């Protein structure tokens, strides 16, 4: 995806963990952070505590939707995904993308990766890899402040 592109839709049936999130008016004018991760990804797990802090800190302005992106055969185990989500306190909705529908829509090949969308659902920031989320935090703040 390129900066400025519209958030892809996900009308295809899939498995959700922690409840389904639909792109409806219920989301309101919150920013949306799409977070691609995998149970086999070491860096994804290392980044979880910081991502959880952002989920709590920005709960009035930001909706995080995690997308489980399988990299190995073991990553297809739904019980393992649920267990990992619980272990790392992932309370946000998790879209299980075993058919790669969202990965294809986002042209995403990496985990962890983060796509930040503004209130008009346009991509404002993209980050892939690593565990340093300071720049992501800066961008979230910037988009929130520019849209108030």
N, C-alpha and C. Protein backbone atom coordinates (compact mmCIF):
# COMPACT_ATOMS: atom_id res chain seq x y z
N UNK A 1 0.83 -1.19 0.00
CA UNK A 1 0.00 0.00 0.00
C UNK A 1 0.87 1.24 0.00
N UNK A 2 0.33 2.28 -0.58
CA UNK A 2 1.03 3.55 -0.62
C UNK A 2 0.32 4.55 0.29
N UNK A 3 1.11 5.48 0.82
CA UNK A 3 0.55 6.54 1.66
C UNK A 3 -0.56 7.25 0.88
N UNK A 4 -1.69 7.48 1.55
CA UNK A 4 -2.83 8.14 0.94
C UNK A 4 -3.88 7.20 0.40
N UNK A 5 -3.53 5.92 0.24
CA UNK A 5 -4.51 4.95 -0.25
C UNK A 5 -5.56 4.66 0.81
N UNK A 6 -6.73 4.25 0.34
CA UNK A 6 -7.87 3.97 1.21
C UNK A 6 -7.73 2.61 1.90
N UNK A 7 -8.23 2.52 3.13
CA UNK A 7 -8.25 1.27 3.88
C UNK A 7 -9.05 0.22 3.11
N UNK A 8 -8.44 -0.95 2.83
CA UNK A 8 -9.19 -2.01 2.14
C UNK A 8 -10.35 -2.52 2.99
N UNK A 9 -11.35 -3.04 2.33
CA UNK A 9 -12.51 -3.61 3.01
C UNK A 9 -12.27 -5.08 3.28
N UNK A 10 -12.93 -5.63 4.27
CA UNK A 10 -12.80 -7.06 4.56
C UNK A 10 -14.17 -7.68 4.78
N UNK A 11 -14.88 -7.85 3.70
CA UNK A 11 -16.22 -8.44 3.78
C UNK A 11 -16.19 -9.95 3.68
N UNK A 12 -15.02 -10.53 3.44
CA UNK A 12 -14.94 -11.98 3.30
C UNK A 12 -15.08 -12.65 4.66
N UNK A 13 -15.76 -13.79 4.71
CA UNK A 13 -15.89 -14.50 5.98
C UNK A 13 -14.52 -14.99 6.45
N UNK A 14 -14.29 -14.91 7.73
CA UNK A 14 -13.03 -15.36 8.30
C UNK A 14 -13.25 -15.69 9.76
N UNK A 15 -12.20 -16.15 10.39
CA UNK A 15 -12.22 -16.40 11.83
C UNK A 15 -11.72 -15.15 12.53
N UNK A 16 -12.43 -14.75 13.58
CA UNK A 16 -12.01 -13.64 14.42
C UNK A 16 -11.75 -14.15 15.83
N UNK A 17 -10.76 -13.59 16.47
CA UNK A 17 -10.48 -13.86 17.88
C UNK A 17 -10.72 -12.55 18.62
N UNK A 18 -11.34 -12.61 19.76
CA UNK A 18 -11.69 -11.42 20.57
C UNK A 18 -12.77 -10.57 19.93
N UNK A 19 -13.60 -11.17 19.11
CA UNK A 19 -14.72 -10.45 18.51
C UNK A 19 -14.39 -9.84 17.17
N UNK A 20 -15.39 -9.79 16.31
CA UNK A 20 -15.23 -9.24 14.97
C UNK A 20 -15.32 -7.72 15.00
N UNK A 21 -14.51 -7.07 14.19
CA UNK A 21 -14.59 -5.63 14.03
C UNK A 21 -15.05 -5.34 12.61
N UNK A 22 -16.15 -4.63 12.49
CA UNK A 22 -16.67 -4.25 11.18
C UNK A 22 -16.43 -2.77 10.97
N UNK A 23 -16.20 -2.40 9.74
CA UNK A 23 -16.01 -0.99 9.40
C UNK A 23 -17.38 -0.33 9.31
N UNK A 24 -17.87 0.10 10.44
CA UNK A 24 -19.19 0.72 10.52
C UNK A 24 -19.07 2.05 11.24
N UNK A 25 -20.19 2.71 11.39
CA UNK A 25 -20.21 3.98 12.11
C UNK A 25 -19.86 3.82 13.58
N UNK A 26 -19.94 2.59 14.11
CA UNK A 26 -19.61 2.35 15.51
C UNK A 26 -18.16 2.71 15.82
N UNK A 27 -17.30 2.61 14.83
CA UNK A 27 -15.90 2.97 15.03
C UNK A 27 -15.78 4.47 15.23
N UNK A 28 -16.72 5.21 14.67
CA UNK A 28 -16.69 6.66 14.82
C UNK A 28 -15.54 7.27 14.07
N UNK A 29 -14.93 8.28 14.67
CA UNK A 29 -13.83 8.96 13.99
C UNK A 29 -12.47 8.56 14.55
N UNK A 30 -12.38 7.35 15.05
CA UNK A 30 -11.10 6.85 15.55
C UNK A 30 -10.15 6.57 14.39
N UNK A 31 -8.86 6.72 14.65
CA UNK A 31 -7.84 6.25 13.72
C UNK A 31 -7.85 4.72 13.79
N UNK A 32 -7.39 4.09 12.73
CA UNK A 32 -7.31 2.63 12.72
C UNK A 32 -5.86 2.23 12.49
N UNK A 33 -5.36 1.37 13.38
CA UNK A 33 -4.03 0.81 13.23
C UNK A 33 -4.18 -0.67 12.92
N UNK A 34 -3.78 -1.06 11.72
CA UNK A 34 -3.78 -2.47 11.32
C UNK A 34 -2.39 -3.02 11.64
N UNK A 35 -2.37 -4.08 12.44
CA UNK A 35 -1.14 -4.65 12.96
C UNK A 35 -1.02 -6.09 12.48
N UNK A 36 -0.10 -6.36 11.55
CA UNK A 36 0.13 -7.72 11.06
C UNK A 36 1.18 -8.39 11.93
N UNK A 37 0.90 -9.61 12.38
CA UNK A 37 1.80 -10.34 13.26
C UNK A 37 1.64 -11.83 13.02
N UNK A 38 2.50 -12.63 13.65
CA UNK A 38 2.43 -14.07 13.54
C UNK A 38 2.93 -14.71 14.83
N UNK A 39 2.38 -15.86 15.18
CA UNK A 39 2.81 -16.52 16.41
C UNK A 39 4.26 -16.98 16.34
N UNK A 40 4.79 -17.19 15.15
CA UNK A 40 6.18 -17.64 15.01
C UNK A 40 7.17 -16.48 14.92
N UNK A 41 6.69 -15.26 15.08
CA UNK A 41 7.53 -14.07 14.91
C UNK A 41 8.04 -13.57 16.25
N UNK A 42 9.33 -13.71 16.46
CA UNK A 42 9.97 -13.26 17.70
C UNK A 42 9.80 -11.76 17.91
N UNK A 43 10.04 -10.96 16.88
CA UNK A 43 9.95 -9.51 17.01
C UNK A 43 8.51 -9.05 17.25
N UNK A 44 7.55 -9.79 16.71
CA UNK A 44 6.14 -9.47 16.97
C UNK A 44 5.85 -9.56 18.47
N UNK A 45 6.32 -10.63 19.08
CA UNK A 45 6.09 -10.84 20.50
C UNK A 45 6.82 -9.80 21.34
N UNK A 46 8.01 -9.44 20.94
CA UNK A 46 8.77 -8.42 21.68
C UNK A 46 8.08 -7.07 21.65
N UNK A 47 7.37 -6.77 20.57
CA UNK A 47 6.71 -5.47 20.43
C UNK A 47 5.34 -5.40 21.11
N UNK A 48 4.78 -6.55 21.48
CA UNK A 48 3.42 -6.58 22.03
C UNK A 48 3.21 -5.69 23.25
N UNK A 49 4.09 -5.71 24.25
CA UNK A 49 3.83 -4.86 25.43
C UNK A 49 3.71 -3.37 25.07
N UNK A 50 4.56 -2.90 24.18
CA UNK A 50 4.49 -1.50 23.77
C UNK A 50 3.20 -1.22 22.99
N UNK A 51 2.83 -2.13 22.11
CA UNK A 51 1.59 -1.98 21.35
C UNK A 51 0.39 -1.96 22.30
N UNK A 52 0.42 -2.82 23.31
CA UNK A 52 -0.66 -2.84 24.31
C UNK A 52 -0.75 -1.51 25.06
N UNK A 53 0.39 -0.90 25.34
CA UNK A 53 0.40 0.42 25.99
C UNK A 53 -0.30 1.45 25.10
N UNK A 54 -0.03 1.42 23.81
CA UNK A 54 -0.67 2.36 22.89
C UNK A 54 -2.17 2.12 22.83
N UNK A 55 -2.56 0.85 22.86
CA UNK A 55 -3.99 0.52 22.82
C UNK A 55 -4.71 1.17 24.00
N UNK A 56 -4.10 1.13 25.18
CA UNK A 56 -4.70 1.72 26.38
C UNK A 56 -4.59 3.25 26.36
N UNK A 57 -3.42 3.75 26.02
CA UNK A 57 -3.16 5.19 26.03
C UNK A 57 -4.07 5.95 25.06
N UNK A 58 -4.28 5.39 23.89
CA UNK A 58 -5.05 6.06 22.83
C UNK A 58 -6.45 5.48 22.64
N UNK A 59 -6.98 4.81 23.64
CA UNK A 59 -8.25 4.09 23.47
C UNK A 59 -9.40 4.97 22.98
N UNK A 60 -9.37 6.27 23.26
CA UNK A 60 -10.44 7.16 22.80
C UNK A 60 -10.26 7.61 21.36
N UNK A 61 -9.05 7.45 20.83
CA UNK A 61 -8.73 7.97 19.49
C UNK A 61 -8.24 6.94 18.49
N UNK A 62 -7.97 5.72 18.95
CA UNK A 62 -7.32 4.73 18.10
C UNK A 62 -7.95 3.35 18.29
N UNK A 63 -8.23 2.69 17.18
CA UNK A 63 -8.69 1.31 17.20
C UNK A 63 -7.60 0.45 16.58
N UNK A 64 -7.12 -0.52 17.34
CA UNK A 64 -6.11 -1.45 16.82
C UNK A 64 -6.81 -2.73 16.40
N UNK A 65 -6.54 -3.16 15.19
CA UNK A 65 -7.03 -4.44 14.68
C UNK A 65 -5.80 -5.24 14.30
N UNK A 66 -5.61 -6.37 14.96
CA UNK A 66 -4.47 -7.21 14.64
C UNK A 66 -4.87 -8.22 13.57
N UNK A 67 -3.92 -8.54 12.71
CA UNK A 67 -4.15 -9.49 11.62
C UNK A 67 -3.10 -10.58 11.76
N UNK A 68 -3.56 -11.80 12.04
CA UNK A 68 -2.61 -12.91 12.15
C UNK A 68 -2.25 -13.39 10.75
N UNK A 69 -0.97 -13.34 10.45
CA UNK A 69 -0.41 -13.63 9.13
C UNK A 69 0.47 -14.88 9.26
N UNK A 70 0.00 -16.05 8.84
CA UNK A 70 0.78 -17.27 9.04
C UNK A 70 2.03 -17.32 8.15
N UNK A 71 3.13 -17.72 8.77
CA UNK A 71 4.39 -17.87 8.03
C UNK A 71 4.81 -19.33 7.92
N UNK A 72 4.28 -20.16 8.80
CA UNK A 72 4.63 -21.58 8.82
C UNK A 72 3.36 -22.41 8.98
N UNK A 73 3.48 -23.70 8.80
CA UNK A 73 2.34 -24.61 9.00
C UNK A 73 1.83 -24.52 10.44
N UNK A 74 2.73 -24.41 11.38
CA UNK A 74 2.36 -24.32 12.80
C UNK A 74 1.54 -23.06 13.09
N UNK A 75 1.77 -22.01 12.34
CA UNK A 75 1.04 -20.75 12.52
C UNK A 75 -0.45 -20.87 12.20
N UNK A 76 -0.85 -21.97 11.58
CA UNK A 76 -2.25 -22.17 11.22
C UNK A 76 -3.09 -22.71 12.38
N UNK A 77 -2.45 -23.03 13.49
CA UNK A 77 -3.12 -23.61 14.66
C UNK A 77 -3.90 -22.53 15.41
N UNK A 78 -5.22 -22.56 15.31
CA UNK A 78 -6.08 -21.54 15.93
C UNK A 78 -5.90 -21.52 17.44
N UNK A 79 -5.78 -22.70 18.06
CA UNK A 79 -5.60 -22.74 19.52
C UNK A 79 -4.29 -22.07 19.92
N UNK A 80 -3.24 -22.25 19.12
CA UNK A 80 -1.96 -21.61 19.41
C UNK A 80 -2.08 -20.09 19.27
N UNK A 81 -2.82 -19.63 18.28
CA UNK A 81 -3.03 -18.19 18.09
C UNK A 81 -3.76 -17.63 19.31
N UNK A 82 -4.82 -18.31 19.74
CA UNK A 82 -5.57 -17.86 20.92
C UNK A 82 -4.70 -17.84 22.17
N UNK A 83 -3.90 -18.89 22.35
CA UNK A 83 -3.02 -18.97 23.52
C UNK A 83 -1.99 -17.85 23.50
N UNK A 84 -1.40 -17.60 22.34
CA UNK A 84 -0.41 -16.53 22.22
C UNK A 84 -1.04 -15.18 22.47
N UNK A 85 -2.23 -14.97 21.93
CA UNK A 85 -2.94 -13.70 22.16
C UNK A 85 -3.20 -13.49 23.64
N UNK A 86 -3.59 -14.53 24.33
CA UNK A 86 -3.84 -14.42 25.77
C UNK A 86 -2.55 -14.16 26.53
N UNK A 87 -1.50 -14.89 26.19
CA UNK A 87 -0.20 -14.73 26.85
C UNK A 87 0.31 -13.31 26.74
N UNK A 88 0.09 -12.68 25.59
CA UNK A 88 0.60 -11.32 25.35
C UNK A 88 -0.47 -10.25 25.53
N UNK A 89 -1.54 -10.58 26.22
CA UNK A 89 -2.61 -9.62 26.57
C UNK A 89 -3.17 -8.88 25.37
N UNK A 90 -3.35 -9.60 24.28
CA UNK A 90 -3.94 -9.00 23.08
C UNK A 90 -5.45 -9.05 23.22
N UNK A 91 -6.06 -7.97 23.63
CA UNK A 91 -7.51 -7.93 23.82
C UNK A 91 -8.22 -7.35 22.60
N UNK A 92 -7.49 -6.78 21.66
CA UNK A 92 -8.10 -6.23 20.46
C UNK A 92 -8.57 -7.36 19.54
N UNK A 93 -9.43 -7.03 18.61
CA UNK A 93 -9.90 -8.01 17.62
C UNK A 93 -8.72 -8.49 16.79
N UNK A 94 -8.72 -9.79 16.52
CA UNK A 94 -7.67 -10.39 15.70
C UNK A 94 -8.32 -11.08 14.51
N UNK A 95 -8.00 -10.60 13.32
CA UNK A 95 -8.47 -11.17 12.06
C UNK A 95 -7.49 -12.29 11.70
N UNK A 96 -7.98 -13.51 11.57
CA UNK A 96 -7.12 -14.64 11.23
C UNK A 96 -7.09 -14.75 9.71
N UNK A 97 -5.97 -14.37 9.13
CA UNK A 97 -5.84 -14.21 7.67
C UNK A 97 -5.18 -15.43 7.03
N UNK A 98 -5.71 -16.62 7.29
CA UNK A 98 -5.11 -17.84 6.76
C UNK A 98 -5.23 -17.97 5.25
N UNK A 99 -6.14 -17.23 4.66
CA UNK A 99 -6.26 -17.26 3.19
C UNK A 99 -5.57 -16.06 2.55
N UNK A 100 -4.89 -15.25 3.36
CA UNK A 100 -4.09 -14.11 2.91
C UNK A 100 -4.90 -13.03 2.20
N UNK A 101 -6.20 -12.95 2.46
CA UNK A 101 -7.03 -11.93 1.81
C UNK A 101 -6.58 -10.52 2.18
N UNK A 102 -6.39 -10.26 3.48
CA UNK A 102 -5.95 -8.91 3.87
C UNK A 102 -4.50 -8.67 3.50
N UNK A 103 -3.67 -9.69 3.63
CA UNK A 103 -2.27 -9.54 3.24
C UNK A 103 -2.17 -9.12 1.78
N UNK A 104 -2.98 -9.73 0.92
CA UNK A 104 -2.99 -9.37 -0.50
C UNK A 104 -3.54 -7.96 -0.70
N UNK A 105 -4.62 -7.63 -0.01
CA UNK A 105 -5.22 -6.30 -0.15
C UNK A 105 -4.25 -5.21 0.28
N UNK A 106 -3.42 -5.50 1.27
CA UNK A 106 -2.44 -4.53 1.77
C UNK A 106 -1.09 -4.66 1.05
N UNK A 107 -0.94 -5.67 0.20
CA UNK A 107 0.36 -6.01 -0.41
C UNK A 107 1.41 -6.20 0.68
N UNK A 108 1.00 -6.84 1.76
CA UNK A 108 1.87 -7.01 2.92
C UNK A 108 2.60 -8.36 2.86
N UNK A 109 3.91 -8.31 3.13
CA UNK A 109 4.72 -9.53 3.16
C UNK A 109 5.48 -9.68 4.47
N UNK A 110 5.35 -8.73 5.39
CA UNK A 110 6.21 -8.71 6.57
C UNK A 110 5.43 -8.71 7.88
N UNK A 111 6.05 -9.31 8.89
CA UNK A 111 5.57 -9.18 10.26
C UNK A 111 6.77 -8.88 11.15
N UNK A 112 6.60 -8.05 12.13
CA UNK A 112 5.41 -7.23 12.34
C UNK A 112 5.36 -6.09 11.33
N UNK A 113 4.17 -5.63 11.04
CA UNK A 113 4.00 -4.43 10.24
C UNK A 113 2.77 -3.69 10.73
N UNK A 114 2.81 -2.37 10.54
CA UNK A 114 1.79 -1.48 11.10
C UNK A 114 1.35 -0.50 10.03
N UNK A 115 0.03 -0.38 9.86
CA UNK A 115 -0.57 0.55 8.90
C UNK A 115 -1.50 1.47 9.68
N UNK A 116 -1.19 2.76 9.70
CA UNK A 116 -2.00 3.73 10.44
C UNK A 116 -2.88 4.51 9.46
N UNK A 117 -4.20 4.44 9.69
CA UNK A 117 -5.18 5.12 8.85
C UNK A 117 -5.83 6.25 9.63
N UNK A 118 -6.05 7.37 8.94
CA UNK A 118 -6.68 8.53 9.59
C UNK A 118 -8.20 8.36 9.64
N UNK A 119 -8.88 9.40 10.04
CA UNK A 119 -10.34 9.33 10.21
C UNK A 119 -11.08 9.20 8.88
N UNK A 120 -10.42 9.59 7.79
CA UNK A 120 -11.01 9.41 6.46
C UNK A 120 -10.64 8.05 5.88
N UNK A 121 -9.95 7.23 6.68
CA UNK A 121 -9.53 5.87 6.32
C UNK A 121 -8.47 5.86 5.22
N UNK A 122 -7.63 6.90 5.22
CA UNK A 122 -6.50 6.95 4.29
C UNK A 122 -5.22 6.61 5.05
N UNK A 123 -4.33 5.86 4.38
CA UNK A 123 -3.08 5.46 5.00
C UNK A 123 -2.19 6.68 5.23
N UNK A 124 -1.76 6.86 6.46
CA UNK A 124 -0.90 7.98 6.83
C UNK A 124 0.50 7.56 7.24
N UNK A 125 0.67 6.28 7.61
CA UNK A 125 1.99 5.83 8.05
C UNK A 125 2.06 4.32 7.91
N UNK A 126 3.26 3.84 7.52
CA UNK A 126 3.52 2.41 7.43
C UNK A 126 4.88 2.12 8.04
N UNK A 127 4.94 1.05 8.80
CA UNK A 127 6.21 0.62 9.40
C UNK A 127 6.25 -0.90 9.39
N UNK A 128 7.40 -1.46 9.05
CA UNK A 128 7.56 -2.92 9.05
C UNK A 128 8.83 -3.30 9.80
N UNK A 129 8.73 -4.42 10.50
CA UNK A 129 9.88 -5.01 11.16
C UNK A 129 10.28 -4.35 12.46
N UNK A 130 11.18 -5.05 13.15
CA UNK A 130 11.76 -4.52 14.37
C UNK A 130 10.82 -4.39 15.54
N UNK A 131 11.36 -3.85 16.61
CA UNK A 131 10.58 -3.72 17.83
C UNK A 131 10.48 -2.28 18.31
N UNK A 132 11.12 -1.35 17.63
CA UNK A 132 11.09 0.04 18.07
C UNK A 132 9.85 0.73 17.50
N UNK A 133 8.90 1.00 18.39
CA UNK A 133 7.65 1.60 17.96
C UNK A 133 7.57 3.09 18.28
N UNK A 134 8.69 3.71 18.62
CA UNK A 134 8.67 5.14 18.97
C UNK A 134 8.19 6.00 17.80
N UNK A 135 8.63 5.69 16.59
CA UNK A 135 8.18 6.47 15.43
C UNK A 135 6.69 6.27 15.20
N UNK A 136 6.20 5.06 15.41
CA UNK A 136 4.76 4.80 15.29
C UNK A 136 4.00 5.66 16.29
N UNK A 137 4.48 5.72 17.52
CA UNK A 137 3.85 6.55 18.55
C UNK A 137 3.84 8.02 18.13
N UNK A 138 4.94 8.49 17.59
CA UNK A 138 5.03 9.88 17.12
C UNK A 138 4.00 10.14 16.03
N UNK A 139 3.87 9.20 15.10
CA UNK A 139 2.92 9.37 13.99
C UNK A 139 1.47 9.33 14.48
N UNK A 140 1.18 8.46 15.42
CA UNK A 140 -0.18 8.41 15.99
C UNK A 140 -0.52 9.77 16.59
N UNK A 141 0.40 10.29 17.40
CA UNK A 141 0.19 11.61 18.01
C UNK A 141 -0.02 12.69 16.96
N UNK A 142 0.81 12.67 15.94
CA UNK A 142 0.73 13.69 14.90
C UNK A 142 -0.61 13.64 14.17
N UNK A 143 -1.06 12.45 13.81
CA UNK A 143 -2.33 12.34 13.09
C UNK A 143 -3.49 12.73 13.99
N UNK A 144 -3.45 12.33 15.26
CA UNK A 144 -4.51 12.73 16.20
C UNK A 144 -4.56 14.25 16.31
N UNK A 145 -3.42 14.87 16.51
CA UNK A 145 -3.36 16.33 16.70
C UNK A 145 -3.74 17.10 15.45
N UNK A 146 -3.42 16.57 14.28
CA UNK A 146 -3.75 17.25 13.02
C UNK A 146 -5.22 17.12 12.66
N UNK A 147 -5.93 16.18 13.28
CA UNK A 147 -7.32 15.94 12.89
C UNK A 147 -8.31 16.34 13.98
N UNK A 148 -7.86 17.04 14.99
CA UNK A 148 -8.80 17.48 16.04
C UNK A 148 -9.36 18.83 15.74
